């Protein structure tokens, strides 16, 4: 699993994930992901376009960090989820907690 970040418009953090969000993948990025979503960052987008698989531990990673972001009145969104990952997100109910968008522009509009 690989993780990197870039800034958009100086105030939005885009986290780029690449690889499987399974037990091994989460173990490789968990600390770094939590740091990238930590205060004072309030507008965060996760690019999921290169994530072909997400397991329950990957869902837990997203939920635990979104709770912290929501507690400080920030916004978090996903974009670019692949069909298999999107199905898991929908079946698990994660889509009710974290909005997911088809385009980066729509995700940016949401987190502004």
PDB file of N, CA and C in Angstrom:
ATOM      1  N   UNK A   1       0.850  -1.172   0.000  1.00  0.00           N
ATOM      2  CA  UNK A   1       0.000   0.000   0.000  1.00  0.00           C
ATOM      3  C   UNK A   1       0.892   1.229   0.000  1.00  0.00           C
ATOM      4  N   UNK A   2       0.541   2.189  -0.817  1.00  0.00           N
ATOM      5  CA  UNK A   2       1.267   3.453  -0.874  1.00  0.00           C
ATOM      6  C   UNK A   2       0.321   4.590  -0.548  1.00  0.00           C
ATOM      7  N   UNK A   3       0.879   5.652   0.037  1.00  0.00           N
ATOM      8  CA  UNK A   3       0.088   6.819   0.409  1.00  0.00           C
ATOM      9  C   UNK A   3       0.927   8.071   0.159  1.00  0.00           C
ATOM     10  N   UNK A   4       0.272   9.090  -0.369  1.00  0.00           N
ATOM     11  CA  UNK A   4       0.928  10.384  -0.545  1.00  0.00           C
ATOM     12  C   UNK A   4      -0.150  11.456  -0.428  1.00  0.00           C
ATOM     13  N   UNK A   5       0.293  12.693  -0.383  1.00  0.00           N
ATOM     14  CA  UNK A   5      -0.682  13.776  -0.267  1.00  0.00           C
ATOM     15  C   UNK A   5      -0.258  14.947  -1.122  1.00  0.00           C
ATOM     16  N   UNK A   6      -1.239  15.772  -1.440  1.00  0.00           N
ATOM     17  CA  UNK A   6      -0.980  17.036  -2.115  1.00  0.00           C
ATOM     18  C   UNK A   6      -2.011  18.046  -1.645  1.00  0.00           C
ATOM     19  N   UNK A   7      -1.660  19.298  -1.748  1.00  0.00           N
ATOM     20  CA  UNK A   7      -2.565  20.366  -1.341  1.00  0.00           C
ATOM     21  C   UNK A   7      -3.290  20.901  -2.569  1.00  0.00           C
ATOM     22  N   UNK A   8      -4.573  21.186  -2.398  1.00  0.00           N
ATOM     23  CA  UNK A   8      -5.392  21.764  -3.459  1.00  0.00           C
ATOM     24  C   UNK A   8      -5.870  23.115  -2.960  1.00  0.00           C
ATOM     25  N   UNK A   9      -5.643  24.152  -3.725  1.00  0.00           N
ATOM     26  CA  UNK A   9      -6.075  25.512  -3.370  1.00  0.00           C
ATOM     27  C   UNK A   9      -5.573  25.951  -1.998  1.00  0.00           C
ATOM     28  N   UNK A  10      -4.500  25.358  -1.520  1.00  0.00           N
ATOM     29  CA  UNK A  10      -3.899  25.758  -0.257  1.00  0.00           C
ATOM     30  C   UNK A  10      -4.632  25.350   1.000  1.00  0.00           C
ATOM     31  N   UNK A  11      -5.875  24.866   0.879  1.00  0.00           N
ATOM     32  CA  UNK A  11      -6.632  24.550   2.091  1.00  0.00           C
ATOM     33  C   UNK A  11      -7.238  23.145   2.104  1.00  0.00           C
ATOM     34  N   UNK A  12      -7.151  22.443   0.996  1.00  0.00           N
ATOM     35  CA  UNK A  12      -7.723  21.097   0.904  1.00  0.00           C
ATOM     36  C   UNK A  12      -6.583  20.093   0.774  1.00  0.00           C
ATOM     37  N   UNK A  13      -6.615  19.074   1.619  1.00  0.00           N
ATOM     38  CA  UNK A  13      -5.619  18.008   1.547  1.00  0.00           C
ATOM     39  C   UNK A  13      -6.199  16.853   0.749  1.00  0.00           C
ATOM     40  N   UNK A  14      -5.498  16.456  -0.310  1.00  0.00           N
ATOM     41  CA  UNK A  14      -5.895  15.273  -1.088  1.00  0.00           C
ATOM     42  C   UNK A  14      -4.914  14.162  -0.735  1.00  0.00           C
ATOM     43  N   UNK A  15      -5.463  13.069  -0.215  1.00  0.00           N
ATOM     44  CA  UNK A  15      -4.672  11.896   0.139  1.00  0.00           C
ATOM     45  C   UNK A  15      -4.845  10.878  -0.986  1.00  0.00           C
ATOM     46  N   UNK A  16      -3.733  10.468  -1.574  1.00  0.00           N
ATOM     47  CA  UNK A  16      -3.764   9.515  -2.667  1.00  0.00           C
ATOM     48  C   UNK A  16      -3.368   8.141  -2.132  1.00  0.00           C
ATOM     49  N   UNK A  17      -4.291   7.200  -2.247  1.00  0.00           N
ATOM     50  CA  UNK A  17      -4.058   5.833  -1.786  1.00  0.00           C
ATOM     51  C   UNK A  17      -3.871   4.923  -2.998  1.00  0.00           C
ATOM     52  N   UNK A  18      -2.952   3.982  -2.885  1.00  0.00           N
ATOM     53  CA  UNK A  18      -2.701   3.056  -3.979  1.00  0.00           C
ATOM     54  C   UNK A  18      -2.376   1.675  -3.407  1.00  0.00           C
ATOM     55  N   UNK A  19      -3.241   0.719  -3.707  1.00  0.00           N
ATOM     56  CA  UNK A  19      -3.050  -0.635  -3.212  1.00  0.00           C
ATOM     57  C   UNK A  19      -4.281  -1.140  -2.488  1.00  0.00           C
ATOM     58  N   UNK A  20      -4.129  -2.269  -1.839  1.00  0.00           N
ATOM     59  CA  UNK A  20      -5.250  -2.921  -1.156  1.00  0.00           C
ATOM     60  C   UNK A  20      -5.377  -2.415   0.278  1.00  0.00           C
ATOM     61  N   UNK A  21      -6.584  -2.004   0.648  1.00  0.00           N
ATOM     62  CA  UNK A  21      -6.865  -1.614   2.029  1.00  0.00           C
ATOM     63  C   UNK A  21      -7.309  -2.843   2.807  1.00  0.00           C
ATOM     64  N   UNK A  22      -6.386  -3.771   2.961  1.00  0.00           N
ATOM     65  CA  UNK A  22      -6.608  -4.975   3.752  1.00  0.00           C
ATOM     66  C   UNK A  22      -5.711  -4.898   4.986  1.00  0.00           C
ATOM     67  N   UNK A  23      -5.591  -5.961   5.748  1.00  0.00           N
ATOM     68  CA  UNK A  23      -4.831  -5.904   7.002  1.00  0.00           C
ATOM     69  C   UNK A  23      -3.370  -5.496   6.770  1.00  0.00           C
ATOM     70  N   UNK A  24      -2.766  -6.022   5.717  1.00  0.00           N
ATOM     71  CA  UNK A  24      -1.376  -5.664   5.426  1.00  0.00           C
ATOM     72  C   UNK A  24      -1.266  -4.216   4.956  1.00  0.00           C
ATOM     73  N   UNK A  25      -2.129  -3.816   4.039  1.00  0.00           N
ATOM     74  CA  UNK A  25      -2.092  -2.458   3.506  1.00  0.00           C
ATOM     75  C   UNK A  25      -2.355  -1.406   4.569  1.00  0.00           C
ATOM     76  N   UNK A  26      -3.367  -1.635   5.405  1.00  0.00           N
ATOM     77  CA  UNK A  26      -3.672  -0.697   6.480  1.00  0.00           C
ATOM     78  C   UNK A  26      -2.499  -0.606   7.450  1.00  0.00           C
ATOM     79  N   UNK A  27      -1.885  -1.738   7.754  1.00  0.00           N
ATOM     80  CA  UNK A  27      -0.719  -1.733   8.642  1.00  0.00           C
ATOM     81  C   UNK A  27       0.406  -0.867   8.116  1.00  0.00           C
ATOM     82  N   UNK A  28       0.533  -0.795   6.801  1.00  0.00           N
ATOM     83  CA  UNK A  28       1.603  -0.013   6.181  1.00  0.00           C
ATOM     84  C   UNK A  28       1.336   1.494   6.214  1.00  0.00           C
ATOM     85  N   UNK A  29       0.066   1.898   6.240  1.00  0.00           N
ATOM     86  CA  UNK A  29      -0.236   3.330   6.103  1.00  0.00           C
ATOM     87  C   UNK A  29      -1.001   3.953   7.267  1.00  0.00           C
ATOM     88  N   UNK A  30      -1.450   3.166   8.217  1.00  0.00           N
ATOM     89  CA  UNK A  30      -2.365   3.664   9.254  1.00  0.00           C
ATOM     90  C   UNK A  30      -1.846   4.906   9.973  1.00  0.00           C
ATOM     91  N   UNK A  31      -0.624   4.874  10.446  1.00  0.00           N
ATOM     92  CA  UNK A  31      -0.079   6.007  11.192  1.00  0.00           C
ATOM     93  C   UNK A  31       0.042   7.240  10.302  1.00  0.00           C
ATOM     94  N   UNK A  32       0.527   7.033   9.095  1.00  0.00           N
ATOM     95  CA  UNK A  32       0.693   8.164   8.171  1.00  0.00           C
ATOM     96  C   UNK A  32      -0.671   8.752   7.778  1.00  0.00           C
ATOM     97  N   UNK A  33      -1.658   7.881   7.513  1.00  0.00           N
ATOM     98  CA  UNK A  33      -2.998   8.345   7.158  1.00  0.00           C
ATOM     99  C   UNK A  33      -3.592   9.173   8.294  1.00  0.00           C
ATOM    100  N   UNK A  34      -3.456   8.698   9.519  1.00  0.00           N
ATOM    101  CA  UNK A  34      -3.977   9.438  10.673  1.00  0.00           C
ATOM    102  C   UNK A  34      -3.298  10.798  10.802  1.00  0.00           C
ATOM    103  N   UNK A  35      -2.013  10.853  10.542  1.00  0.00           N
ATOM    104  CA  UNK A  35      -1.301  12.127  10.580  1.00  0.00           C
ATOM    105  C   UNK A  35      -1.765  13.081   9.495  1.00  0.00           C
ATOM    106  N   UNK A  36      -2.051  12.550   8.322  1.00  0.00           N
ATOM    107  CA  UNK A  36      -2.510  13.389   7.210  1.00  0.00           C
ATOM    108  C   UNK A  36      -3.923  13.925   7.429  1.00  0.00           C
ATOM    109  N   UNK A  37      -4.704  13.269   8.268  1.00  0.00           N
ATOM    110  CA  UNK A  37      -6.072  13.722   8.533  1.00  0.00           C
ATOM    111  C   UNK A  37      -6.191  14.477   9.852  1.00  0.00           C
ATOM    112  N   UNK A  38      -5.076  14.649  10.560  1.00  0.00           N
ATOM    113  CA  UNK A  38      -5.095  15.276  11.890  1.00  0.00           C
ATOM    114  C   UNK A  38      -5.294  16.785  11.806  1.00  0.00           C
ATOM    115  N   UNK A  39      -5.700  17.343  12.927  1.00  0.00           N
ATOM    116  CA  UNK A  39      -5.868  18.785  13.063  1.00  0.00           C
ATOM    117  C   UNK A  39      -4.538  19.458  12.759  1.00  0.00           C
ATOM    118  N   UNK A  40      -4.531  20.596  12.150  1.00  0.00           N
ATOM    119  CA  UNK A  40      -5.639  21.504  11.880  1.00  0.00           C
ATOM    120  C   UNK A  40      -6.327  21.293  10.533  1.00  0.00           C
ATOM    121  N   UNK A  41      -6.019  20.235   9.847  1.00  0.00           N
ATOM    122  CA  UNK A  41      -6.622  19.991   8.529  1.00  0.00           C
ATOM    123  C   UNK A  41      -8.115  19.730   8.680  1.00  0.00           C
ATOM    124  N   UNK A  42      -8.903  20.463   7.894  1.00  0.00           N
ATOM    125  CA  UNK A  42     -10.357  20.338   8.020  1.00  0.00           C
ATOM    126  C   UNK A  42     -11.045  19.924   6.733  1.00  0.00           C
ATOM    127  N   UNK A  43     -10.390  20.097   5.602  1.00  0.00           N
ATOM    128  CA  UNK A  43     -10.972  19.731   4.309  1.00  0.00           C
ATOM    129  C   UNK A  43     -10.080  18.670   3.681  1.00  0.00           C
ATOM    130  N   UNK A  44     -10.580  17.430   3.658  1.00  0.00           N
ATOM    131  CA  UNK A  44      -9.745  16.308   3.244  1.00  0.00           C
ATOM    132  C   UNK A  44     -10.505  15.436   2.240  1.00  0.00           C
ATOM    133  N   UNK A  45      -9.802  15.061   1.185  1.00  0.00           N
ATOM    134  CA  UNK A  45     -10.353  14.181   0.154  1.00  0.00           C
ATOM    135  C   UNK A  45      -9.417  12.989   0.012  1.00  0.00           C
ATOM    136  N   UNK A  46      -9.981  11.796  -0.036  1.00  0.00           N
ATOM    137  CA  UNK A  46      -9.183  10.593  -0.285  1.00  0.00           C
ATOM    138  C   UNK A  46      -9.432  10.112  -1.707  1.00  0.00           C
ATOM    139  N   UNK A  47      -8.369  10.065  -2.488  1.00  0.00           N
ATOM    140  CA  UNK A  47      -8.424   9.560  -3.856  1.00  0.00           C
ATOM    141  C   UNK A  47      -8.323   8.035  -3.789  1.00  0.00           C
ATOM    142  N   UNK A  48      -9.429   7.371  -4.093  1.00  0.00           N
ATOM    143  CA  UNK A  48      -9.516   5.909  -3.996  1.00  0.00           C
ATOM    144  C   UNK A  48      -9.406   5.229  -5.364  1.00  0.00           C
ATOM    145  N   UNK A  49      -9.039   5.979  -6.394  1.00  0.00           N
ATOM    146  CA  UNK A  49      -9.051   5.436  -7.756  1.00  0.00           C
ATOM    147  C   UNK A  49      -8.054   4.301  -7.974  1.00  0.00           C
ATOM    148  N   UNK A  50      -7.046   4.175  -7.108  1.00  0.00           N
ATOM    149  CA  UNK A  50      -6.052   3.106  -7.256  1.00  0.00           C
ATOM    150  C   UNK A  50      -6.158   2.076  -6.130  1.00  0.00           C
ATOM    151  N   UNK A  51      -7.349   1.992  -5.532  1.00  0.00           N
ATOM    152  CA  UNK A  51      -7.605   1.014  -4.467  1.00  0.00           C
ATOM    153  C   UNK A  51      -8.575  -0.033  -5.019  1.00  0.00           C
ATOM    154  N   UNK A  52      -8.068  -1.228  -5.361  1.00  0.00           N
ATOM    155  CA  UNK A  52      -8.941  -2.245  -5.956  1.00  0.00           C
ATOM    156  C   UNK A  52      -9.726  -3.072  -4.943  1.00  0.00           C
ATOM    157  N   UNK A  53      -9.363  -2.958  -3.637  1.00  0.00           N
ATOM    158  CA  UNK A  53      -9.977  -3.826  -2.623  1.00  0.00           C
ATOM    159  C   UNK A  53      -9.968  -3.111  -1.276  1.00  0.00           C
ATOM    160  N   UNK A  54     -11.077  -3.257  -0.532  1.00  0.00           N
ATOM    161  CA  UNK A  54     -11.151  -2.737   0.831  1.00  0.00           C
ATOM    162  C   UNK A  54     -11.791  -3.802   1.718  1.00  0.00           C
ATOM    163  N   UNK A  55     -11.168  -4.066   2.859  1.00  0.00           N
ATOM    164  CA  UNK A  55     -11.713  -5.031   3.815  1.00  0.00           C
ATOM    165  C   UNK A  55     -12.278  -4.273   5.010  1.00  0.00           C
ATOM    166  N   UNK A  56     -12.755  -5.016   5.996  1.00  0.00           N
ATOM    167  CA  UNK A  56     -13.343  -4.383   7.179  1.00  0.00           C
ATOM    168  C   UNK A  56     -12.328  -3.522   7.924  1.00  0.00           C
ATOM    169  N   UNK A  57     -11.067  -3.904   7.922  1.00  0.00           N
ATOM    170  CA  UNK A  57     -10.060  -3.086   8.616  1.00  0.00           C
ATOM    171  C   UNK A  57      -9.825  -1.773   7.858  1.00  0.00           C
ATOM    172  N   UNK A  58      -9.968  -1.802   6.544  1.00  0.00           N
ATOM    173  CA  UNK A  58      -9.882  -0.570   5.757  1.00  0.00           C
ATOM    174  C   UNK A  58     -11.050   0.355   6.056  1.00  0.00           C
ATOM    175  N   UNK A  59     -12.231  -0.233   6.206  1.00  0.00           N
ATOM    176  CA  UNK A  59     -13.412   0.559   6.569  1.00  0.00           C
ATOM    177  C   UNK A  59     -13.217   1.164   7.957  1.00  0.00           C
ATOM    178  N   UNK A  60     -12.674   0.377   8.891  1.00  0.00           N
ATOM    179  CA  UNK A  60     -12.413   0.889  10.240  1.00  0.00           C
ATOM    180  C   UNK A  60     -11.443   2.057  10.213  1.00  0.00           C
ATOM    181  N   UNK A  61     -10.411   1.976   9.393  1.00  0.00           N
ATOM    182  CA  UNK A  61      -9.450   3.072   9.256  1.00  0.00           C
ATOM    183  C   UNK A  61     -10.158   4.360   8.828  1.00  0.00           C
ATOM    184  N   UNK A  62     -11.001   4.247   7.825  1.00  0.00           N
ATOM    185  CA  UNK A  62     -11.713   5.431   7.340  1.00  0.00           C
ATOM    186  C   UNK A  62     -12.659   5.983   8.406  1.00  0.00           C
ATOM    187  N   UNK A  63     -13.445   5.114   9.031  1.00  0.00           N
ATOM    188  CA  UNK A  63     -14.420   5.557  10.025  1.00  0.00           C
ATOM    189  C   UNK A  63     -13.742   6.231  11.216  1.00  0.00           C
ATOM    190  N   UNK A  64     -12.697   5.646  11.745  1.00  0.00           N
ATOM    191  CA  UNK A  64     -12.055   6.225  12.935  1.00  0.00           C
ATOM    192  C   UNK A  64     -11.491   7.613  12.645  1.00  0.00           C
ATOM    193  N   UNK A  65     -10.962   7.809  11.455  1.00  0.00           N
ATOM    194  CA  UNK A  65     -10.424   9.122  11.119  1.00  0.00           C
ATOM    195  C   UNK A  65     -11.522  10.124  10.785  1.00  0.00           C
ATOM    196  N   UNK A  66     -12.600   9.663  10.162  1.00  0.00           N
ATOM    197  CA  UNK A  66     -13.717  10.555   9.854  1.00  0.00           C
ATOM    198  C   UNK A  66     -14.382  11.051  11.136  1.00  0.00           C
ATOM    199  N   UNK A  67     -14.482  10.201  12.133  1.00  0.00           N
ATOM    200  CA  UNK A  67     -15.063  10.634  13.410  1.00  0.00           C
ATOM    201  C   UNK A  67     -14.260  11.783  14.008  1.00  0.00           C
ATOM    202  N   UNK A  68     -12.937  11.693  13.943  1.00  0.00           N
ATOM    203  CA  UNK A  68     -12.091  12.770  14.467  1.00  0.00           C
ATOM    204  C   UNK A  68     -12.254  14.041  13.642  1.00  0.00           C
ATOM    205  N   UNK A  69     -12.349  13.896  12.328  1.00  0.00           N
ATOM    206  CA  UNK A  69     -12.536  15.067  11.449  1.00  0.00           C
ATOM    207  C   UNK A  69     -13.891  15.718  11.730  1.00  0.00           C
ATOM    208  N   UNK A  70     -14.939  14.913  11.839  1.00  0.00           N
ATOM    209  CA  UNK A  70     -16.277  15.444  12.114  1.00  0.00           C
ATOM    210  C   UNK A  70     -16.340  16.132  13.475  1.00  0.00           C
ATOM    211  N   UNK A  71     -15.626  15.601  14.456  1.00  0.00           N
ATOM    212  CA  UNK A  71     -15.641  16.184  15.804  1.00  0.00           C
ATOM    213  C   UNK A  71     -15.088  17.605  15.806  1.00  0.00           C
ATOM    214  N   UNK A  72     -14.201  17.905  14.884  1.00  0.00           N
ATOM    215  CA  UNK A  72     -13.659  19.269  14.820  1.00  0.00           C
ATOM    216  C   UNK A  72     -14.313  20.087  13.695  1.00  0.00           C
ATOM    217  N   UNK A  73     -15.479  19.619  13.232  1.00  0.00           N
ATOM    218  CA  UNK A  73     -16.295  20.308  12.225  1.00  0.00           C
ATOM    219  C   UNK A  73     -15.639  20.366  10.854  1.00  0.00           C
ATOM    220  N   UNK A  74     -14.769  19.392  10.577  1.00  0.00           N
ATOM    221  CA  UNK A  74     -14.147  19.311   9.262  1.00  0.00           C
ATOM    222  C   UNK A  74     -15.002  18.482   8.314  1.00  0.00           C
ATOM    223  N   UNK A  75     -14.537  18.370   7.075  1.00  0.00           N
ATOM    224  CA  UNK A  75     -15.252  17.582   6.067  1.00  0.00           C
ATOM    225  C   UNK A  75     -14.287  16.628   5.390  1.00  0.00           C
ATOM    226  N   UNK A  76     -14.776  15.411   5.120  1.00  0.00           N
ATOM    227  CA  UNK A  76     -13.987  14.363   4.490  1.00  0.00           C
ATOM    228  C   UNK A  76     -14.832  13.730   3.403  1.00  0.00           C
ATOM    229  N   UNK A  77     -14.230  13.460   2.258  1.00  0.00           N
ATOM    230  CA  UNK A  77     -14.938  12.814   1.159  1.00  0.00           C
ATOM    231  C   UNK A  77     -14.011  11.847   0.444  1.00  0.00           C
ATOM    232  N   UNK A  78     -14.614  10.873  -0.199  1.00  0.00           N
ATOM    233  CA  UNK A  78     -13.901   9.942  -1.064  1.00  0.00           C
ATOM    234  C   UNK A  78     -14.220  10.306  -2.507  1.00  0.00           C
ATOM    235  N   UNK A  79     -13.313   9.985  -3.400  1.00  0.00           N
ATOM    236  CA  UNK A  79     -13.668  10.071  -4.811  1.00  0.00           C
ATOM    237  C   UNK A  79     -12.915   9.013  -5.603  1.00  0.00           C
ATOM    238  N   UNK A  80     -13.524   8.658  -6.735  1.00  0.00           N
ATOM    239  CA  UNK A  80     -12.885   7.724  -7.646  1.00  0.00           C
ATOM    240  C   UNK A  80     -12.912   6.275  -7.212  1.00  0.00           C
ATOM    241  N   UNK A  81     -13.860   5.880  -6.370  1.00  0.00           N
ATOM    242  CA  UNK A  81     -13.887   4.484  -5.921  1.00  0.00           C
ATOM    243  C   UNK A  81     -14.189   3.546  -7.090  1.00  0.00           C
ATOM    244  N   UNK A  82     -13.452   2.463  -7.142  1.00  0.00           N
ATOM    245  CA  UNK A  82     -13.669   1.449  -8.171  1.00  0.00           C
ATOM    246  C   UNK A  82     -14.952   0.687  -7.850  1.00  0.00           C
ATOM    247  N   UNK A  83     -15.575   0.056  -8.859  1.00  0.00           N
ATOM    248  CA  UNK A  83     -16.869  -0.619  -8.641  1.00  0.00           C
ATOM    249  C   UNK A  83     -16.890  -1.608  -7.475  1.00  0.00           C
ATOM    250  N   UNK A  84     -15.884  -2.465  -7.349  1.00  0.00           N
ATOM    251  CA  UNK A  84     -15.877  -3.454  -6.257  1.00  0.00           C
ATOM    252  C   UNK A  84     -15.774  -2.774  -4.895  1.00  0.00           C
ATOM    253  N   UNK A  85     -14.947  -1.745  -4.805  1.00  0.00           N
ATOM    254  CA  UNK A  85     -14.794  -1.002  -3.550  1.00  0.00           C
ATOM    255  C   UNK A  85     -16.079  -0.243  -3.253  1.00  0.00           C
ATOM    256  N   UNK A  86     -16.674   0.350  -4.270  1.00  0.00           N
ATOM    257  CA  UNK A  86     -17.924   1.082  -4.081  1.00  0.00           C
ATOM    258  C   UNK A  86     -19.028   0.157  -3.573  1.00  0.00           C
ATOM    259  N   UNK A  87     -19.057  -1.070  -4.061  1.00  0.00           N
ATOM    260  CA  UNK A  87     -20.063  -2.036  -3.600  1.00  0.00           C
ATOM    261  C   UNK A  87     -19.864  -2.341  -2.115  1.00  0.00           C
ATOM    262  N   UNK A  88     -18.638  -2.543  -1.684  1.00  0.00           N
ATOM    263  CA  UNK A  88     -18.357  -2.813  -0.269  1.00  0.00           C
ATOM    264  C   UNK A  88     -18.745  -1.599   0.577  1.00  0.00           C
ATOM    265  N   UNK A  89     -18.433  -0.414   0.105  1.00  0.00           N
ATOM    266  CA  UNK A  89     -18.774   0.822   0.823  1.00  0.00           C
ATOM    267  C   UNK A  89     -20.286   0.936   0.994  1.00  0.00           C
ATOM    268  N   UNK A  90     -21.019   0.611  -0.046  1.00  0.00           N
ATOM    269  CA  UNK A  90     -22.487   0.684   0.009  1.00  0.00           C
ATOM    270  C   UNK A  90     -23.059  -0.392   0.923  1.00  0.00           C
ATOM    271  N   UNK A  91     -22.621  -1.635   0.754  1.00  0.00           N
ATOM    272  CA  UNK A  91     -23.139  -2.748   1.564  1.00  0.00           C
ATOM    273  C   UNK A  91     -22.846  -2.532   3.046  1.00  0.00           C
ATOM    274  N   UNK A  92     -21.666  -1.990   3.361  1.00  0.00           N
ATOM    275  CA  UNK A  92     -21.281  -1.779   4.760  1.00  0.00           C
ATOM    276  C   UNK A  92     -21.981  -0.578   5.399  1.00  0.00           C
ATOM    277  N   UNK A  93     -22.587   0.267   4.568  1.00  0.00           N
ATOM    278  CA  UNK A  93     -23.226   1.475   5.090  1.00  0.00           C
ATOM    279  C   UNK A  93     -22.268   2.639   5.247  1.00  0.00           C
ATOM    280  N   UNK A  94     -21.019   2.453   4.832  1.00  0.00           N
ATOM    281  CA  UNK A  94     -20.033   3.522   4.937  1.00  0.00           C
ATOM    282  C   UNK A  94     -20.447   4.745   4.124  1.00  0.00           C
ATOM    283  N   UNK A  95     -21.210   4.519   3.056  1.00  0.00           N
ATOM    284  CA  UNK A  95     -21.664   5.636   2.229  1.00  0.00           C
ATOM    285  C   UNK A  95     -22.603   6.585   2.986  1.00  0.00           C
ATOM    286  N   UNK A  96     -23.156   6.123   4.090  1.00  0.00           N
ATOM    287  CA  UNK A  96     -24.025   6.985   4.910  1.00  0.00           C
ATOM    288  C   UNK A  96     -23.190   7.877   5.833  1.00  0.00           C
ATOM    289  N   UNK A  97     -21.926   7.497   6.040  1.00  0.00           N
ATOM    290  CA  UNK A  97     -21.031   8.225   6.933  1.00  0.00           C
ATOM    291  C   UNK A  97     -20.055   9.098   6.156  1.00  0.00           C
ATOM    292  N   UNK A  98     -19.575   8.571   5.034  1.00  0.00           N
ATOM    293  CA  UNK A  98     -18.586   9.283   4.222  1.00  0.00           C
ATOM    294  C   UNK A  98     -19.128   9.420   2.804  1.00  0.00           C
ATOM    295  N   UNK A  99     -19.337  10.655   2.347  1.00  0.00           N
ATOM    296  CA  UNK A  99     -19.800  10.830   0.972  1.00  0.00           C
ATOM    297  C   UNK A  99     -18.711  10.444  -0.026  1.00  0.00           C
ATOM    298  N   UNK A 100     -19.146   9.894  -1.143  1.00  0.00           N
ATOM    299  CA  UNK A 100     -18.230   9.474  -2.196  1.00  0.00           C
ATOM    300  C   UNK A 100     -18.672  10.121  -3.501  1.00  0.00           C
ATOM    301  N   UNK A 101     -17.704  10.617  -4.254  1.00  0.00           N
ATOM    302  CA  UNK A 101     -18.005  11.335  -5.486  1.00  0.00           C
ATOM    303  C   UNK A 101     -17.250  10.719  -6.651  1.00  0.00           C
ATOM    304  N   UNK A 102     -17.819  10.879  -7.836  1.00  0.00           N
ATOM    305  CA  UNK A 102     -17.210  10.329  -9.031  1.00  0.00           C
ATOM    306  C   UNK A 102     -16.068  11.173  -9.571  1.00  0.00           C
ATOM    307  N   UNK A 103     -16.058  12.454  -9.226  1.00  0.00           N
ATOM    308  CA  UNK A 103     -15.019  13.343  -9.744  1.00  0.00           C
ATOM    309  C   UNK A 103     -14.357  14.110  -8.600  1.00  0.00           C
ATOM    310  N   UNK A 104     -13.127  14.511  -8.840  1.00  0.00           N
ATOM    311  CA  UNK A 104     -12.400  15.325  -7.883  1.00  0.00           C
ATOM    312  C   UNK A 104     -13.106  16.667  -7.681  1.00  0.00           C
ATOM    313  N   UNK A 105     -13.623  17.237  -8.747  1.00  0.00           N
ATOM    314  CA  UNK A 105     -14.286  18.547  -8.662  1.00  0.00           C
ATOM    315  C   UNK A 105     -15.493  18.485  -7.729  1.00  0.00           C
ATOM    316  N   UNK A 106     -16.294  17.430  -7.821  1.00  0.00           N
ATOM    317  CA  UNK A 106     -17.466  17.286  -6.945  1.00  0.00           C
ATOM    318  C   UNK A 106     -17.025  17.122  -5.492  1.00  0.00           C
ATOM    319  N   UNK A 107     -15.963  16.367  -5.259  1.00  0.00           N
ATOM    320  CA  UNK A 107     -15.450  16.190  -3.890  1.00  0.00           C
ATOM    321  C   UNK A 107     -14.924  17.512  -3.339  1.00  0.00           C
ATOM    322  N   UNK A 108     -14.247  18.292  -4.163  1.00  0.00           N
ATOM    323  CA  UNK A 108     -13.743  19.611  -3.737  1.00  0.00           C
ATOM    324  C   UNK A 108     -14.913  20.510  -3.368  1.00  0.00           C
ATOM    325  N   UNK A 109     -15.946  20.540  -4.183  1.00  0.00           N
ATOM    326  CA  UNK A 109     -17.125  21.370  -3.879  1.00  0.00           C
ATOM    327  C   UNK A 109     -17.738  20.983  -2.534  1.00  0.00           C
ATOM    328  N   UNK A 110     -17.734  19.683  -2.218  1.00  0.00           N
ATOM    329  CA  UNK A 110     -18.310  19.227  -0.950  1.00  0.00           C
ATOM    330  C   UNK A 110     -17.470  19.668   0.256  1.00  0.00           C
ATOM    331  N   UNK A 111     -16.164  19.545   0.187  1.00  0.00           N
ATOM    332  CA  UNK A 111     -15.331  19.811   1.361  1.00  0.00           C
ATOM    333  C   UNK A 111     -14.994  21.287   1.553  1.00  0.00           C
ATOM    334  N   UNK A 112     -15.292  22.129   0.576  1.00  0.00           N
ATOM    335  CA  UNK A 112     -14.978  23.573   0.703  1.00  0.00           C
ATOM    336  C   UNK A 112     -15.607  24.172   1.925  1.00  0.00           C
TER     337      UNK A 112
END
